[in-house]
Amino acid sequence: MSPRLKLAESISGPCTKVDLKEAQKDLKTRLPKCVLQYFSLHDGQELPLNSARKHGLVFGLELMSLDEVVTASTNWKKVAEKENAPKKPKANKAVVNTDAETKTLENDPNFVLGEKLSKVSKRDLKSYPELERNLSKHSKQKYLRELPTQKSIPPEYVQLTYANSGWVPLVTDYTGNHIGVDIAPGPKGTVGQVIIFGRDYDTKYVIASNWGEFLTQFVQDLKSRSH
């Protein structure tokens, strides 16, 4: 059986209207119509838990199930809340104790996923030039106190934050990076635009105006490669 056929067979069955209603309730947002239509056709990929390595349909990345989308979004919202929390004033000559901060971050699912990043080889990165990483330079101990400058490409299309509760992940690389839809865009962006964001992306990229356009571009790319 060809690898492509095996991947096609990993697609799960459709989500119900009740599933979609409950998911939007948990997310506390209304998903774009094209995303709802997408999940009404299938519920992401379901790969064997004993797989030595994850393989996905989109540039080798896996389509997330609706439950995974809700879980990951919830975790990213917690990160966004930490980023936007008021900073405590520093006491004069105080010694900064990072033990509690480190423990908090180590319990954060996004950083647990991020630990797997060191296992990604240079060969893996070269395999997907479309998603070449703009690696973050900050350590987890400095995360709550010092973030690198955040950027948007194109400029002003995505809000300049490390994490945002309006970013809904739909595709994952299982190291904390995603392709997803942006429900809270920057001043020049549009609601529902598709962006690349995640643990290693201090620069966020807009790659399509909506999820339907992204999937259409992906299918066309597959067809052109097969000819």
C-alpha atoms as a PDB file:
ATOM      1  CA  MET A   1       0.000   0.000   0.000  1.00  0.00           C
ATOM      2  CA  SER A   2       1.402   3.404  -0.975  1.00  0.00           C
ATOM      3  CA  PRO A   3       2.228   5.975   1.774  1.00  0.00           C
ATOM      4  CA  ARG A   4      -0.197   8.440   0.149  1.00  0.00           C
ATOM      5  CA  LEU A   5      -3.056   5.924   0.383  1.00  0.00           C
ATOM      6  CA  LYS A   6      -2.241   5.217   4.029  1.00  0.00           C
ATOM      7  CA  LEU A   7      -2.390   8.940   4.761  1.00  0.00           C
ATOM      8  CA  ALA A   8      -5.763   9.215   3.028  1.00  0.00           C
ATOM      9  CA  GLU A   9      -7.074   6.387   5.200  1.00  0.00           C
ATOM     10  CA  SER A  10      -5.995   8.280   8.340  1.00  0.00           C
ATOM     11  CA  ILE A  11      -8.715  10.892   7.777  1.00  0.00           C
ATOM     12  CA  SER A  12     -11.388  10.664  10.472  1.00  0.00           C
ATOM     13  CA  GLY A  13     -15.137  10.818   9.948  1.00  0.00           C
ATOM     14  CA  PRO A  14     -17.106  14.098  10.000  1.00  0.00           C
ATOM     15  CA  CYS A  15     -17.970  16.144  13.073  1.00  0.00           C
ATOM     16  CA  THR A  16     -21.622  16.579  13.977  1.00  0.00           C
ATOM     17  CA  LYS A  17     -23.403  19.900  14.341  1.00  0.00           C
ATOM     18  CA  VAL A  18     -23.488  19.268  18.089  1.00  0.00           C
ATOM     19  CA  ASP A  19     -19.702  18.736  18.095  1.00  0.00           C
ATOM     20  CA  LEU A  20     -19.154  22.026  16.304  1.00  0.00           C
ATOM     21  CA  LYS A  21     -21.552  23.909  18.566  1.00  0.00           C
ATOM     22  CA  GLU A  22     -19.861  22.590  21.719  1.00  0.00           C
ATOM     23  CA  ALA A  23     -16.381  23.305  20.353  1.00  0.00           C
ATOM     24  CA  GLN A  24     -17.261  26.937  19.604  1.00  0.00           C
ATOM     25  CA  LYS A  25     -18.752  27.221  23.089  1.00  0.00           C
ATOM     26  CA  ASP A  26     -15.484  25.927  24.604  1.00  0.00           C
ATOM     27  CA  LEU A  27     -13.418  28.220  22.360  1.00  0.00           C
ATOM     28  CA  LYS A  28     -15.663  31.174  23.233  1.00  0.00           C
ATOM     29  CA  THR A  29     -15.609  32.258  19.597  1.00  0.00           C
ATOM     30  CA  ARG A  30     -17.437  31.610  16.353  1.00  0.00           C
ATOM     31  CA  LEU A  31     -15.312  29.791  13.805  1.00  0.00           C
ATOM     32  CA  PRO A  32     -15.282  30.975  10.160  1.00  0.00           C
ATOM     33  CA  LYS A  33     -17.853  29.299   7.940  1.00  0.00           C
ATOM     34  CA  CYS A  34     -15.213  27.565   5.801  1.00  0.00           C
ATOM     35  CA  VAL A  35     -13.670  26.005   8.934  1.00  0.00           C
ATOM     36  CA  LEU A  36     -17.075  24.724  10.053  1.00  0.00           C
ATOM     37  CA  GLN A  37     -17.630  23.242   6.594  1.00  0.00           C
ATOM     38  CA  TYR A  38     -14.168  21.657   6.741  1.00  0.00           C
ATOM     39  CA  PHE A  39     -14.930  19.867  10.026  1.00  0.00           C
ATOM     40  CA  SER A  40     -18.343  18.817   8.744  1.00  0.00           C
ATOM     41  CA  LEU A  41     -16.449  16.717   6.164  1.00  0.00           C
ATOM     42  CA  HIS A  42     -13.873  15.135   8.498  1.00  0.00           C
ATOM     43  CA  ASP A  43     -12.381  15.416  11.975  1.00  0.00           C
ATOM     44  CA  GLY A  44      -8.691  15.713  11.187  1.00  0.00           C
ATOM     45  CA  GLN A  45      -6.308  12.774  11.071  1.00  0.00           C
ATOM     46  CA  GLU A  46      -6.140   9.778  13.361  1.00  0.00           C
ATOM     47  CA  LEU A  47      -2.735   8.120  13.335  1.00  0.00           C
ATOM     48  CA  PRO A  48      -1.724   5.079  15.425  1.00  0.00           C
ATOM     49  CA  LEU A  49      -0.475   6.032  18.876  1.00  0.00           C
ATOM     50  CA  ASN A  50       2.402   3.574  18.499  1.00  0.00           C
ATOM     51  CA  SER A  51       3.686   5.292  15.348  1.00  0.00           C
ATOM     52  CA  ALA A  52       7.437   5.867  15.572  1.00  0.00           C
ATOM     53  CA  ARG A  53       6.951   9.237  13.934  1.00  0.00           C
ATOM     54  CA  LYS A  54       3.993  11.435  13.033  1.00  0.00           C
ATOM     55  CA  HIS A  55       3.202  11.841   9.354  1.00  0.00           C
ATOM     56  CA  GLY A  56       0.661  14.332   8.104  1.00  0.00           C
ATOM     57  CA  LEU A  57      -1.024  15.361   4.896  1.00  0.00           C
ATOM     58  CA  VAL A  58       0.008  19.024   4.845  1.00  0.00           C
ATOM     59  CA  PHE A  59       3.760  19.326   4.175  1.00  0.00           C
ATOM     60  CA  GLY A  60       4.193  16.371   6.523  1.00  0.00           C
ATOM     61  CA  LEU A  61       2.192  18.135   9.260  1.00  0.00           C
ATOM     62  CA  GLU A  62      -0.887  16.586  10.807  1.00  0.00           C
ATOM     63  CA  LEU A  63      -4.469  17.828  10.514  1.00  0.00           C
ATOM     64  CA  MET A  64      -5.755  18.289  14.052  1.00  0.00           C
ATOM     65  CA  SER A  65      -9.016  16.834  15.319  1.00  0.00           C
ATOM     66  CA  LEU A  66     -11.644  19.189  16.727  1.00  0.00           C
ATOM     67  CA  ASP A  67     -10.834  18.056  20.281  1.00  0.00           C
ATOM     68  CA  GLU A  68      -7.130  18.715  19.676  1.00  0.00           C
ATOM     69  CA  VAL A  69      -7.961  22.170  18.325  1.00  0.00           C
ATOM     70  CA  VAL A  70      -9.922  23.026  21.469  1.00  0.00           C
ATOM     71  CA  THR A  71      -7.193  21.673  23.774  1.00  0.00           C
ATOM     72  CA  ALA A  72      -4.342  23.448  21.971  1.00  0.00           C
ATOM     73  CA  SER A  73      -6.315  26.712  21.778  1.00  0.00           C
ATOM     74  CA  THR A  74      -6.987  26.551  25.510  1.00  0.00           C
ATOM     75  CA  ASN A  75      -3.285  26.037  26.218  1.00  0.00           C
ATOM     76  CA  TRP A  76      -2.283  28.942  23.952  1.00  0.00           C
ATOM     77  CA  LYS A  77      -4.824  31.180  25.662  1.00  0.00           C
ATOM     78  CA  LYS A  78      -3.057  30.475  28.966  1.00  0.00           C
ATOM     79  CA  VAL A  79       0.249  31.484  27.381  1.00  0.00           C
ATOM     80  CA  ALA A  80      -1.371  34.668  26.036  1.00  0.00           C
ATOM     81  CA  GLU A  81      -2.741  35.488  29.487  1.00  0.00           C
ATOM     82  CA  LYS A  82       0.755  35.139  30.966  1.00  0.00           C
ATOM     83  CA  GLU A  83       2.204  37.377  28.264  1.00  0.00           C
ATOM     84  CA  ASN A  84      -0.408  40.076  28.791  1.00  0.00           C
ATOM     85  CA  ALA A  85      -0.498  39.886  32.592  1.00  0.00           C
ATOM     86  CA  PRO A  86       0.572  43.119  34.375  1.00  0.00           C
ATOM     87  CA  LYS A  87       4.251  42.986  35.276  1.00  0.00           C
ATOM     88  CA  LYS A  88       5.070  43.270  38.973  1.00  0.00           C
ATOM     89  CA  PRO A  89       7.357  46.213  39.837  1.00  0.00           C
ATOM     90  CA  LYS A  90      10.886  45.178  40.693  1.00  0.00           C
ATOM     91  CA  ALA A  91      12.083  45.862  44.228  1.00  0.00           C
ATOM     92  CA  ASN A  92      15.416  47.667  44.562  1.00  0.00           C
ATOM     93  CA  LYS A  93      18.371  45.276  44.705  1.00  0.00           C
ATOM     94  CA  ALA A  94      16.008  42.344  44.838  1.00  0.00           C
ATOM     95  CA  VAL A  95      17.230  38.932  43.802  1.00  0.00           C
ATOM     96  CA  VAL A  96      14.959  37.450  41.126  1.00  0.00           C
ATOM     97  CA  ASN A  97      13.883  33.928  42.026  1.00  0.00           C
ATOM     98  CA  THR A  98      12.954  31.977  38.896  1.00  0.00           C
ATOM     99  CA  ASP A  99      12.216  28.612  40.562  1.00  0.00           C
ATOM    100  CA  ALA A 100       8.435  29.101  40.673  1.00  0.00           C
ATOM    101  CA  GLU A 101       8.471  30.598  37.182  1.00  0.00           C
ATOM    102  CA  THR A 102      10.400  27.623  35.802  1.00  0.00           C
ATOM    103  CA  LYS A 103       8.035  25.135  37.424  1.00  0.00           C
ATOM    104  CA  THR A 104       5.043  26.966  35.960  1.00  0.00           C
ATOM    105  CA  LEU A 105       6.488  26.837  32.464  1.00  0.00           C
ATOM    106  CA  GLU A 106       7.556  23.221  32.762  1.00  0.00           C
ATOM    107  CA  ASN A 107       3.935  22.366  33.511  1.00  0.00           C
ATOM    108  CA  ASP A 108       2.755  24.284  30.455  1.00  0.00           C
ATOM    109  CA  PRO A 109       1.827  21.767  27.707  1.00  0.00           C
ATOM    110  CA  ASN A 110       3.245  24.050  25.022  1.00  0.00           C
ATOM    111  CA  PHE A 111       6.709  23.880  26.531  1.00  0.00           C
ATOM    112  CA  VAL A 112       6.450  20.135  27.055  1.00  0.00           C
ATOM    113  CA  LEU A 113       5.785  19.855  23.333  1.00  0.00           C
ATOM    114  CA  GLY A 114       8.595  22.293  22.699  1.00  0.00           C
ATOM    115  CA  GLU A 115      11.144  20.011  24.348  1.00  0.00           C
ATOM    116  CA  LYS A 116      10.760  17.698  21.349  1.00  0.00           C
ATOM    117  CA  LEU A 117      12.199  20.399  19.100  1.00  0.00           C
ATOM    118  CA  SER A 118      15.766  19.254  19.810  1.00  0.00           C
ATOM    119  CA  LYS A 119      14.912  15.907  18.220  1.00  0.00           C
ATOM    120  CA  VAL A 120      14.077  17.526  14.870  1.00  0.00           C
ATOM    121  CA  SER A 121      17.022  17.076  12.507  1.00  0.00           C
ATOM    122  CA  LYS A 122      18.383  19.530   9.939  1.00  0.00           C
ATOM    123  CA  ARG A 123      17.205  17.118   7.277  1.00  0.00           C
ATOM    124  CA  ASP A 124      13.652  17.422   8.599  1.00  0.00           C
ATOM    125  CA  LEU A 125      13.781  21.213   8.381  1.00  0.00           C
ATOM    126  CA  LYS A 126      15.107  21.150   4.815  1.00  0.00           C
ATOM    127  CA  SER A 127      12.275  18.832   3.758  1.00  0.00           C
ATOM    128  CA  TYR A 128       9.706  21.599   4.199  1.00  0.00           C
ATOM    129  CA  PRO A 129      11.116  24.904   2.876  1.00  0.00           C
ATOM    130  CA  GLU A 130       7.595  26.359   2.909  1.00  0.00           C
ATOM    131  CA  LEU A 131       7.692  26.277   6.697  1.00  0.00           C
ATOM    132  CA  GLU A 132      11.317  27.253   7.297  1.00  0.00           C
ATOM    133  CA  ARG A 133      11.585  28.173  10.939  1.00  0.00           C
ATOM    134  CA  ASN A 134      12.276  31.611  12.327  1.00  0.00           C
ATOM    135  CA  LEU A 135      13.638  30.143  15.549  1.00  0.00           C
ATOM    136  CA  SER A 136      12.933  31.959  18.767  1.00  0.00           C
ATOM    137  CA  LYS A 137      16.042  32.949  20.694  1.00  0.00           C
ATOM    138  CA  HIS A 138      14.480  33.219  24.144  1.00  0.00           C
ATOM    139  CA  SER A 139      14.864  30.614  26.865  1.00  0.00           C
ATOM    140  CA  LYS A 140      11.926  29.418  28.914  1.00  0.00           C
ATOM    141  CA  GLN A 141      13.380  30.958  32.097  1.00  0.00           C
ATOM    142  CA  LYS A 142      13.331  34.399  30.461  1.00  0.00           C
ATOM    143  CA  TYR A 143       9.971  33.853  28.768  1.00  0.00           C
ATOM    144  CA  LEU A 144       7.792  35.761  31.242  1.00  0.00           C
ATOM    145  CA  ARG A 145      10.237  38.671  31.580  1.00  0.00           C
ATOM    146  CA  GLU A 146      11.803  39.153  28.168  1.00  0.00           C
ATOM    147  CA  LEU A 147      10.351  38.386  24.739  1.00  0.00           C
ATOM    148  CA  PRO A 148      12.074  38.947  21.394  1.00  0.00           C
ATOM    149  CA  THR A 149      10.565  41.525  19.060  1.00  0.00           C
ATOM    150  CA  GLN A 150       7.481  40.062  17.405  1.00  0.00           C
ATOM    151  CA  LYS A 151       6.916  40.651  13.690  1.00  0.00           C
ATOM    152  CA  SER A 152       4.210  40.197  11.076  1.00  0.00           C
ATOM    153  CA  ILE A 153       4.634  39.396   7.389  1.00  0.00           C
ATOM    154  CA  PRO A 154       3.039  41.246   5.681  1.00  0.00           C
ATOM    155  CA  PRO A 155       3.457  44.089   8.216  1.00  0.00           C
ATOM    156  CA  GLU A 156       0.401  44.952  10.375  1.00  0.00           C
ATOM    157  CA  TYR A 157      -1.565  41.891   9.226  1.00  0.00           C
ATOM    158  CA  VAL A 158      -1.034  39.957  12.483  1.00  0.00           C
ATOM    159  CA  GLN A 159      -1.020  41.328  16.024  1.00  0.00           C
ATOM    160  CA  LEU A 160       2.518  41.646  17.397  1.00  0.00           C
ATOM    161  CA  THR A 161       2.206  39.224  20.282  1.00  0.00           C
ATOM    162  CA  TYR A 162       3.924  35.908  20.975  1.00  0.00           C
ATOM    163  CA  ALA A 163       0.565  34.252  21.698  1.00  0.00           C
ATOM    164  CA  ASN A 164      -2.991  35.377  21.069  1.00  0.00           C
ATOM    165  CA  SER A 165      -6.315  33.901  22.161  1.00  0.00           C
ATOM    166  CA  GLY A 166      -7.673  34.698  18.677  1.00  0.00           C
ATOM    167  CA  TRP A 167      -5.336  32.260  16.912  1.00  0.00           C
ATOM    168  CA  VAL A 168      -6.968  28.858  16.350  1.00  0.00           C
ATOM    169  CA  PRO A 169      -4.546  26.047  15.392  1.00  0.00           C
ATOM    170  CA  LEU A 170      -5.709  23.539  12.755  1.00  0.00           C
ATOM    171  CA  VAL A 171      -2.439  21.867  11.726  1.00  0.00           C
ATOM    172  CA  THR A 172       0.426  20.823  14.022  1.00  0.00           C
ATOM    173  CA  ASP A 173       4.047  19.706  13.831  1.00  0.00           C
ATOM    174  CA  TYR A 174       3.853  18.337  17.403  1.00  0.00           C
ATOM    175  CA  THR A 175       6.624  20.650  18.585  1.00  0.00           C
ATOM    176  CA  GLY A 176       4.301  23.572  19.387  1.00  0.00           C
ATOM    177  CA  ASN A 177       4.060  25.143  15.906  1.00  0.00           C
ATOM    178  CA  HIS A 178       0.880  25.483  13.872  1.00  0.00           C
ATOM    179  CA  ILE A 179      -0.957  26.584  10.781  1.00  0.00           C
ATOM    180  CA  GLY A 180      -4.260  28.070  11.858  1.00  0.00           C
ATOM    181  CA  VAL A 181      -6.865  30.781  11.430  1.00  0.00           C
ATOM    182  CA  ASP A 182      -6.604  34.250  12.926  1.00  0.00           C
ATOM    183  CA  ILE A 183      -9.848  35.495  14.492  1.00  0.00           C
ATOM    184  CA  ALA A 184      -8.218  38.658  15.879  1.00  0.00           C
ATOM    185  CA  PRO A 185      -6.032  40.063  13.072  1.00  0.00           C
ATOM    186  CA  GLY A 186      -3.885  43.184  12.983  1.00  0.00           C
ATOM    187  CA  PRO A 187      -5.117  46.503  11.520  1.00  0.00           C
ATOM    188  CA  LYS A 188      -4.459  45.464   7.904  1.00  0.00           C
ATOM    189  CA  GLY A 189      -5.416  41.796   8.282  1.00  0.00           C
ATOM    190  CA  THR A 190      -8.752  40.060   7.769  1.00  0.00           C
ATOM    191  CA  VAL A 191     -10.722  37.852  10.151  1.00  0.00           C
ATOM    192  CA  GLY A 192     -10.135  34.192   9.294  1.00  0.00           C
ATOM    193  CA  GLN A 193      -6.795  34.719   7.551  1.00  0.00           C
ATOM    194  CA  VAL A 194      -4.461  31.715   7.707  1.00  0.00           C
ATOM    195  CA  ILE A 195      -1.212  32.203   9.606  1.00  0.00           C
ATOM    196  CA  ILE A 196       1.873  30.288  10.722  1.00  0.00           C
ATOM    197  CA  PHE A 197       2.513  30.729  14.444  1.00  0.00           C
ATOM    198  CA  GLY A 198       3.853  28.833  17.415  1.00  0.00           C
ATOM    199  CA  ARG A 199       6.625  28.229  19.871  1.00  0.00           C
ATOM    200  CA  ASP A 200       9.434  28.916  17.384  1.00  0.00           C
ATOM    201  CA  TYR A 201       7.864  31.744  15.394  1.00  0.00           C
ATOM    202  CA  ASP A 202       8.551  35.264  16.604  1.00  0.00           C
ATOM    203  CA  THR A 203       7.584  36.299  13.070  1.00  0.00           C
ATOM    204  CA  LYS A 204       4.028  35.353  12.103  1.00  0.00           C
ATOM    205  CA  TYR A 205       3.300  34.745   8.425  1.00  0.00           C
ATOM    206  CA  VAL A 206      -0.026  35.219   6.616  1.00  0.00           C
ATOM    207  CA  ILE A 207      -0.213  32.504   3.936  1.00  0.00           C
ATOM    208  CA  ALA A 208      -3.851  32.723   2.773  1.00  0.00           C
ATOM    209  CA  SER A 209      -6.855  34.992   3.213  1.00  0.00           C
ATOM    210  CA  ASN A 210      -9.022  32.149   4.572  1.00  0.00           C
ATOM    211  CA  TRP A 211      -8.971  28.408   5.281  1.00  0.00           C
ATOM    212  CA  GLY A 212     -10.790  27.504   2.058  1.00  0.00           C
ATOM    213  CA  GLU A 213      -8.230  29.391  -0.011  1.00  0.00           C
ATOM    214  CA  PHE A 214      -5.372  27.678   1.820  1.00  0.00           C
ATOM    215  CA  LEU A 215      -6.789  24.198   1.149  1.00  0.00           C
ATOM    216  CA  THR A 216      -7.396  25.059  -2.518  1.00  0.00           C
ATOM    217  CA  GLN A 217      -3.789  26.243  -2.889  1.00  0.00           C
ATOM    218  CA  PHE A 218      -2.556  23.074  -1.200  1.00  0.00           C
ATOM    219  CA  VAL A 219      -4.560  20.797  -3.532  1.00  0.00           C
ATOM    220  CA  GLN A 220      -3.358  22.704  -6.593  1.00  0.00           C
ATOM    221  CA  ASP A 221       0.215  22.340  -5.365  1.00  0.00           C
ATOM    222  CA  LEU A 222      -0.253  18.582  -4.976  1.00  0.00           C
ATOM    223  CA  LYS A 223      -1.665  18.314  -8.513  1.00  0.00           C
ATOM    224  CA  SER A 224       1.209  20.281 -10.015  1.00  0.00           C
ATOM    225  CA  ARG A 225       3.760  18.039  -8.271  1.00  0.00           C
ATOM    226  CA  SER A 226       2.104  14.877  -9.541  1.00  0.00           C
ATOM    227  CA  HIS A 227       2.383  15.981 -13.186  1.00  0.00           C
END
